[in-house]
C-alpha atoms as a PDB file:
ATOM      1  CA  UNK A   1     207.099 118.502  39.563  1.00  0.00           C
ATOM      2  CA  UNK A   2     204.355 118.974  42.126  1.00  0.00           C
ATOM      3  CA  UNK A   3     200.830 117.941  41.136  1.00  0.00           C
ATOM      4  CA  UNK A   4     198.318 120.766  40.881  1.00  0.00           C
ATOM      5  CA  UNK A   5     195.437 120.082  43.320  1.00  0.00           C
ATOM      6  CA  UNK A   6     192.157 119.027  41.752  1.00  0.00           C
ATOM      7  CA  UNK A   7     189.035 120.593  43.236  1.00  0.00           C
ATOM      8  CA  UNK A   8     185.516 119.200  43.027  1.00  0.00           C
ATOM      9  CA  UNK A   9     184.254 122.569  41.765  1.00  0.00           C
ATOM     10  CA  UNK A  10     186.536 122.353  38.717  1.00  0.00           C
ATOM     11  CA  UNK A  11     185.504 118.854  37.585  1.00  0.00           C
ATOM     12  CA  UNK A  12     182.721 118.106  35.117  1.00  0.00           C
ATOM     13  CA  UNK A  13     181.279 114.791  33.978  1.00  0.00           C
ATOM     14  CA  UNK A  14     183.031 113.920  30.732  1.00  0.00           C
ATOM     15  CA  UNK A  15     186.360 115.517  31.722  1.00  0.00           C
ATOM     16  CA  UNK A  16     189.352 113.569  30.460  1.00  0.00           C
ATOM     17  CA  UNK A  17     191.870 112.068  32.863  1.00  0.00           C
ATOM     18  CA  UNK A  18     195.281 113.116  31.474  1.00  0.00           C
ATOM     19  CA  UNK A  19     197.158 110.249  29.860  1.00  0.00           C
ATOM     20  CA  UNK A  20     200.128 108.505  31.445  1.00  0.00           C
ATOM     21  CA  UNK A  21     202.337 106.796  28.855  1.00  0.00           C
ATOM     22  CA  UNK A  22     204.980 104.105  29.280  1.00  0.00           C
ATOM     23  CA  UNK A  23     206.977 103.902  26.059  1.00  0.00           C
ATOM     24  CA  UNK A  24     208.800 100.743  25.045  1.00  0.00           C
ATOM     25  CA  UNK A  25     208.332  98.574  28.132  1.00  0.00           C
ATOM     26  CA  UNK A  26     211.598  96.691  28.639  1.00  0.00           C
ATOM     27  CA  UNK A  27     212.559  93.318  30.060  1.00  0.00           C
ATOM     28  CA  UNK A  28     214.520  95.263  32.672  1.00  0.00           C
ATOM     29  CA  UNK A  29     211.235  96.920  33.718  1.00  0.00           C
ATOM     30  CA  UNK A  30     209.750  93.443  34.219  1.00  0.00           C
ATOM     31  CA  UNK A  31     212.714  92.268  36.297  1.00  0.00           C
ATOM     32  CA  UNK A  32     212.630  95.446  38.418  1.00  0.00           C
ATOM     33  CA  UNK A  33     208.940  94.879  39.114  1.00  0.00           C
ATOM     34  CA  UNK A  34     209.581  91.225  39.962  1.00  0.00           C
ATOM     35  CA  UNK A  35     212.187  92.314  42.503  1.00  0.00           C
ATOM     36  CA  UNK A  36     209.961  94.966  44.011  1.00  0.00           C
ATOM     37  CA  UNK A  37     206.878  92.746  44.209  1.00  0.00           C
ATOM     38  CA  UNK A  38     208.502  89.420  44.961  1.00  0.00           C
ATOM     39  CA  UNK A  39     206.627  87.838  42.018  1.00  0.00           C
ATOM     40  CA  UNK A  40     209.325  85.782  40.316  1.00  0.00           C
ATOM     41  CA  UNK A  41     207.046  83.660  38.163  1.00  0.00           C
ATOM     42  CA  UNK A  42     209.408  82.670  35.313  1.00  0.00           C
ATOM     43  CA  UNK A  43     206.872  83.532  32.610  1.00  0.00           C
ATOM     44  CA  UNK A  44     207.710  87.185  33.343  1.00  0.00           C
ATOM     45  CA  UNK A  45     211.509  86.966  33.027  1.00  0.00           C
ATOM     46  CA  UNK A  46     212.669  83.591  31.649  1.00  0.00           C
ATOM     47  CA  UNK A  47     212.367  83.519  27.825  1.00  0.00           C
ATOM     48  CA  UNK A  48     213.054  79.758  27.371  1.00  0.00           C
ATOM     49  CA  UNK A  49     210.487  78.933  30.070  1.00  0.00           C
ATOM     50  CA  UNK A  50     207.873  81.203  28.516  1.00  0.00           C
ATOM     51  CA  UNK A  51     208.390  79.627  25.102  1.00  0.00           C
ATOM     52  CA  UNK A  52     208.351  76.106  26.575  1.00  0.00           C
ATOM     53  CA  UNK A  53     204.834  76.729  27.933  1.00  0.00           C
ATOM     54  CA  UNK A  54     203.657  78.013  24.549  1.00  0.00           C
ATOM     55  CA  UNK A  55     204.073  81.761  24.893  1.00  0.00           C
ATOM     56  CA  UNK A  56     205.888  83.812  22.246  1.00  0.00           C
ATOM     57  CA  UNK A  57     207.921  85.604  24.914  1.00  0.00           C
ATOM     58  CA  UNK A  58     207.883  86.803  28.503  1.00  0.00           C
ATOM     59  CA  UNK A  59     205.124  89.270  29.381  1.00  0.00           C
ATOM     60  CA  UNK A  60     204.466  91.974  31.965  1.00  0.00           C
ATOM     61  CA  UNK A  61     202.932  91.245  35.342  1.00  0.00           C
ATOM     62  CA  UNK A  62     199.277  92.202  35.423  1.00  0.00           C
ATOM     63  CA  UNK A  63     199.836  94.157  38.612  1.00  0.00           C
ATOM     64  CA  UNK A  64     202.640  96.161  36.966  1.00  0.00           C
ATOM     65  CA  UNK A  65     200.096  97.298  34.395  1.00  0.00           C
ATOM     66  CA  UNK A  66     197.597  97.976  37.179  1.00  0.00           C
ATOM     67  CA  UNK A  67     200.281 100.154  38.760  1.00  0.00           C
ATOM     68  CA  UNK A  68     200.491 102.197  35.564  1.00  0.00           C
ATOM     69  CA  UNK A  69     196.707 102.685  35.663  1.00  0.00           C
ATOM     70  CA  UNK A  70     196.917 103.635  39.334  1.00  0.00           C
ATOM     71  CA  UNK A  71     199.569 106.261  38.564  1.00  0.00           C
ATOM     72  CA  UNK A  72     197.373 107.731  35.835  1.00  0.00           C
ATOM     73  CA  UNK A  73     194.466 108.089  38.267  1.00  0.00           C
ATOM     74  CA  UNK A  74     196.486 109.358  41.241  1.00  0.00           C
ATOM     75  CA  UNK A  75     198.345 111.866  39.058  1.00  0.00           C
ATOM     76  CA  UNK A  76     194.879 113.291  38.345  1.00  0.00           C
ATOM     77  CA  UNK A  77     192.989 113.044  41.653  1.00  0.00           C
ATOM     78  CA  UNK A  78     195.878 112.696  44.127  1.00  0.00           C
ATOM     79  CA  UNK A  79     196.702 109.601  46.174  1.00  0.00           C
ATOM     80  CA  UNK A  80     195.132 111.142  49.244  1.00  0.00           C
ATOM     81  CA  UNK A  81     191.781 111.498  47.439  1.00  0.00           C
ATOM     82  CA  UNK A  82     191.491 108.085  45.793  1.00  0.00           C
ATOM     83  CA  UNK A  83     188.865 105.952  47.544  1.00  0.00           C
ATOM     84  CA  UNK A  84     188.451 102.991  45.194  1.00  0.00           C
ATOM     85  CA  UNK A  85     190.192 101.568  42.128  1.00  0.00           C
ATOM     86  CA  UNK A  86     188.963  98.441  40.370  1.00  0.00           C
ATOM     87  CA  UNK A  87     190.714  96.868  37.397  1.00  0.00           C
ATOM     88  CA  UNK A  88     190.017  94.023  35.010  1.00  0.00           C
ATOM     89  CA  UNK A  89     192.833  92.397  33.068  1.00  0.00           C
ATOM     90  CA  UNK A  90     192.017  91.993  29.381  1.00  0.00           C
ATOM     91  CA  UNK A  91     195.191  91.135  27.453  1.00  0.00           C
ATOM     92  CA  UNK A  92     198.902  90.693  27.980  1.00  0.00           C
ATOM     93  CA  UNK A  93     201.524  93.406  27.670  1.00  0.00           C
ATOM     94  CA  UNK A  94     204.805  92.417  25.990  1.00  0.00           C
ATOM     95  CA  UNK A  95     208.320  93.846  26.055  1.00  0.00           C
ATOM     96  CA  UNK A  96     208.509  96.647  23.503  1.00  0.00           C
ATOM     97  CA  UNK A  97     204.862  97.642  23.957  1.00  0.00           C
ATOM     98  CA  UNK A  98     203.882 101.235  24.594  1.00  0.00           C
ATOM     99  CA  UNK A  99     201.111 101.525  27.180  1.00  0.00           C
ATOM    100  CA  UNK A 100     198.836 104.547  27.306  1.00  0.00           C
ATOM    101  CA  UNK A 101     196.639 104.904  30.379  1.00  0.00           C
ATOM    102  CA  UNK A 102     193.749 107.342  30.181  1.00  0.00           C
ATOM    103  CA  UNK A 103     190.216 107.813  31.369  1.00  0.00           C
ATOM    104  CA  UNK A 104     187.306 110.137  31.930  1.00  0.00           C
ATOM    105  CA  UNK A 105     185.024 111.312  34.699  1.00  0.00           C
ATOM    106  CA  UNK A 106     181.646 109.598  34.410  1.00  0.00           C
ATOM    107  CA  UNK A 107     179.803 110.842  37.492  1.00  0.00           C
ATOM    108  CA  UNK A 108     179.981 113.731  39.979  1.00  0.00           C
ATOM    109  CA  UNK A 109     177.840 114.047  43.100  1.00  0.00           C
ATOM    110  CA  UNK A 110     177.681 115.060  46.749  1.00  0.00           C
ATOM    111  CA  UNK A 111     176.683 112.642  49.495  1.00  0.00           C
ATOM    112  CA  UNK A 112     176.617 113.427  53.197  1.00  0.00           C
ATOM    113  CA  UNK A 113     179.037 116.313  52.837  1.00  0.00           C
ATOM    114  CA  UNK A 114     181.428 114.302  50.651  1.00  0.00           C
ATOM    115  CA  UNK A 115     182.279 115.553  47.170  1.00  0.00           C
ATOM    116  CA  UNK A 116     182.722 112.479  44.990  1.00  0.00           C
ATOM    117  CA  UNK A 117     183.617 111.659  41.426  1.00  0.00           C
ATOM    118  CA  UNK A 118     183.687 108.362  39.566  1.00  0.00           C
ATOM    119  CA  UNK A 119     185.492 107.606  36.381  1.00  0.00           C
ATOM    120  CA  UNK A 120     186.557 104.929  33.984  1.00  0.00           C
ATOM    121  CA  UNK A 121     190.142 104.233  33.100  1.00  0.00           C
ATOM    122  CA  UNK A 122     191.974 101.976  30.657  1.00  0.00           C
ATOM    123  CA  UNK A 123     195.461 100.941  29.657  1.00  0.00           C
ATOM    124  CA  UNK A 124     195.827 100.508  25.899  1.00  0.00           C
ATOM    125  CA  UNK A 125     198.738  99.113  23.947  1.00  0.00           C
ATOM    126  CA  UNK A 126     200.114 100.738  20.791  1.00  0.00           C
ATOM    127  CA  UNK A 127     197.614  98.740  18.695  1.00  0.00           C
ATOM    128  CA  UNK A 128     194.716 100.260  20.635  1.00  0.00           C
ATOM    129  CA  UNK A 129     193.947  96.968  22.392  1.00  0.00           C
ATOM    130  CA  UNK A 130     192.733  97.239  25.978  1.00  0.00           C
ATOM    131  CA  UNK A 131     195.176  95.633  28.393  1.00  0.00           C
ATOM    132  CA  UNK A 132     193.273  96.777  31.478  1.00  0.00           C
ATOM    133  CA  UNK A 133     189.906  98.417  31.998  1.00  0.00           C
ATOM    134  CA  UNK A 134     188.790  99.824  35.281  1.00  0.00           C
ATOM    135  CA  UNK A 135     186.929 102.343  37.374  1.00  0.00           C
ATOM    136  CA  UNK A 136     187.776 104.698  40.201  1.00  0.00           C
ATOM    137  CA  UNK A 137     186.093 106.746  42.893  1.00  0.00           C
ATOM    138  CA  UNK A 138     187.683 109.801  44.462  1.00  0.00           C
ATOM    139  CA  UNK A 139     186.630 112.244  47.155  1.00  0.00           C
ATOM    140  CA  UNK A 140     187.791 115.737  46.248  1.00  0.00           C
ATOM    141  CA  UNK A 141     188.109 118.904  48.302  1.00  0.00           C
ATOM    142  CA  UNK A 142     186.001 121.952  47.569  1.00  0.00           C
ATOM    143  CA  UNK A 143     187.432 125.393  46.984  1.00  0.00           C
END
């Protein structure tokens, strides 16, 4: 499905960024990400290793979760319009977790002919705990 373009004229401060949800994150998802990223740290795929170092289980790569947040933002503003994305890792994401990424527009302004918006974004687990918090800036076209 093609993304509907977002225009500066249609955005208001306080607008919600539509949610992107990953239901039931699997160990296979973690292994796929490890292969794609080249990050084969055993704490993300080797259960006995993870338990040996005191973890209850393997957990998701932080950058995999950041990718989910990035998809949430780019589904809204478009990859071509994203100018900045900052994230802060807050807690781990475990196999079986459901991750909901969402956000809102916090600022809208024009500067030197550029039409800009800023927003905040977060990835929450099914308990409502913040796994990642962040902020974005996008430059949007006018109508």
